[in-house]
C-alpha cells in the first residue's frame, strides 16, 4: 500500500513559528510528563526515574540496579559474548549441560 502524496505548503518567508513554553502534566499514576513543541521534524524522548538507594526499602532492594542494567540491554550490533554478559549481569545463568536458562 502506498501513502497518498501530500502537497507541501511553505510558510511565508521570515515567518518562523515561535517555540512554546515548557508544559508539565501530572498523570493520576504520579508520572510527570514535560513536553515542548519546537516544530522540528524529529522527536526526542527522555526517561528520568526517581531511583536509588534513598527510594528503596526492604521490599524492592536492587530495583535501581536492575533498571540500570536493563537500560543497556540491546542486541543491535552486539556479539554473542556481550549479550551473554549482559544477561548474566541481571541474574540469568545458563546451564550448558541441560540447555536450560535459570
Protein backbone atom coordinates (compact mmCIF):
# COMPACT_ATOMS: atom_id res chain seq x y z
CA UNK A 1 0.00 0.00 0.00
CA UNK A 2 1.38 3.40 -0.96
CA UNK A 3 0.84 6.52 1.13
CA UNK A 4 -1.02 9.31 -0.66
CA UNK A 5 1.04 12.23 -1.92
CA UNK A 6 0.74 15.38 0.13
CA UNK A 7 1.27 18.82 -1.33
CA UNK A 8 3.85 20.75 0.68
CA UNK A 9 3.00 24.28 1.65
CA UNK A 10 5.74 26.63 2.66
CA UNK A 11 5.39 29.25 5.36
CA UNK A 12 5.82 32.87 4.29
CA UNK A 13 9.45 33.98 4.18
CA UNK A 14 10.69 35.17 7.55
CA UNK A 15 7.69 33.75 9.45
CA UNK A 16 9.27 31.22 11.81
CA UNK A 17 6.95 29.51 14.30
CA UNK A 18 7.61 30.53 17.87
CA UNK A 19 8.54 27.71 20.24
CA UNK A 20 6.04 27.14 23.02
CA UNK A 21 6.72 27.21 26.74
CA UNK A 22 7.59 24.00 28.54
CA UNK A 23 4.42 22.25 29.73
CA UNK A 24 4.22 19.86 32.69
CA UNK A 25 1.42 17.31 33.02
CA UNK A 26 0.96 15.06 36.06
CA UNK A 27 -0.89 11.80 35.41
CA UNK A 28 -3.06 10.11 38.07
CA UNK A 29 -0.34 7.46 38.46
CA UNK A 30 2.10 10.15 39.61
CA UNK A 31 4.12 10.23 36.38
CA UNK A 32 5.11 13.75 35.37
CA UNK A 33 5.42 14.49 31.64
CA UNK A 34 7.31 17.53 30.37
CA UNK A 35 6.61 18.47 26.76
CA UNK A 36 7.81 21.19 24.43
CA UNK A 37 6.64 21.89 20.87
CA UNK A 38 9.55 23.15 18.79
CA UNK A 39 8.15 22.35 15.31
CA UNK A 40 11.07 20.04 14.50
CA UNK A 41 10.58 17.04 12.18
CA UNK A 42 12.10 14.71 14.79
CA UNK A 43 11.32 13.96 18.42
CA UNK A 44 13.42 13.19 21.46
CA UNK A 45 12.27 11.24 24.49
CA UNK A 46 13.99 11.12 27.86
CA UNK A 47 13.11 8.94 30.81
CA UNK A 48 14.02 10.15 34.28
CA UNK A 49 13.26 7.95 37.26
CA UNK A 50 13.45 8.84 40.93
CA UNK A 51 15.53 5.86 41.84
CA UNK A 52 18.39 4.98 44.06
CA UNK A 53 19.01 3.59 47.50
CA UNK A 54 17.16 6.50 49.12
CA UNK A 55 13.93 5.43 47.36
CA UNK A 56 14.28 1.68 48.03
CA UNK A 57 13.04 -0.25 51.04
CA UNK A 58 13.32 -3.90 52.05
CA UNK A 59 10.56 -4.88 49.57
CA UNK A 60 12.29 -3.60 46.42
CA UNK A 61 16.03 -3.73 47.10
CA UNK A 62 18.04 -3.87 43.88
CA UNK A 63 15.37 -2.33 41.65
CA UNK A 64 17.62 0.59 40.71
CA UNK A 65 20.48 -1.75 39.90
CA UNK A 66 18.24 -3.87 37.67
CA UNK A 67 16.88 -0.78 35.85
CA UNK A 68 20.41 0.45 35.20
CA UNK A 69 21.48 -2.89 33.79
CA UNK A 70 18.31 -3.39 31.74
CA UNK A 71 18.64 0.02 30.12
CA UNK A 72 21.77 -1.17 28.36
CA UNK A 73 20.37 -4.49 27.13
CA UNK A 74 20.26 -4.10 23.39
CA UNK A 75 21.36 -6.70 20.90
CA UNK A 76 21.84 -4.45 17.88
CA UNK A 77 25.45 -4.82 16.84
CA UNK A 78 26.36 -6.83 19.94
CA UNK A 79 28.38 -10.02 19.88
CA UNK A 80 27.06 -13.18 21.50
CA UNK A 81 29.65 -12.69 24.25
CA UNK A 82 28.33 -9.20 25.06
CA UNK A 83 24.72 -10.41 25.05
CA UNK A 84 25.63 -13.28 27.40
CA UNK A 85 27.48 -10.91 29.74
CA UNK A 86 24.52 -8.53 29.83
CA UNK A 87 22.05 -11.31 30.58
CA UNK A 88 24.28 -12.77 33.28
CA UNK A 89 24.64 -9.33 34.87
CA UNK A 90 20.92 -9.27 35.62
CA UNK A 91 21.00 -12.72 37.19
CA UNK A 92 20.33 -15.22 34.41
CA UNK A 93 22.57 -18.26 34.48
CA UNK A 94 22.70 -20.73 31.61
CA UNK A 95 23.23 -24.37 32.45
CA UNK A 96 25.05 -25.63 29.37
CA UNK A 97 24.66 -29.29 30.30
CA UNK A 98 20.86 -29.12 30.24
CA UNK A 99 20.40 -26.20 27.85
CA UNK A 100 18.14 -24.54 30.41
CA UNK A 101 18.12 -20.85 31.30
CA UNK A 102 17.57 -20.16 35.00
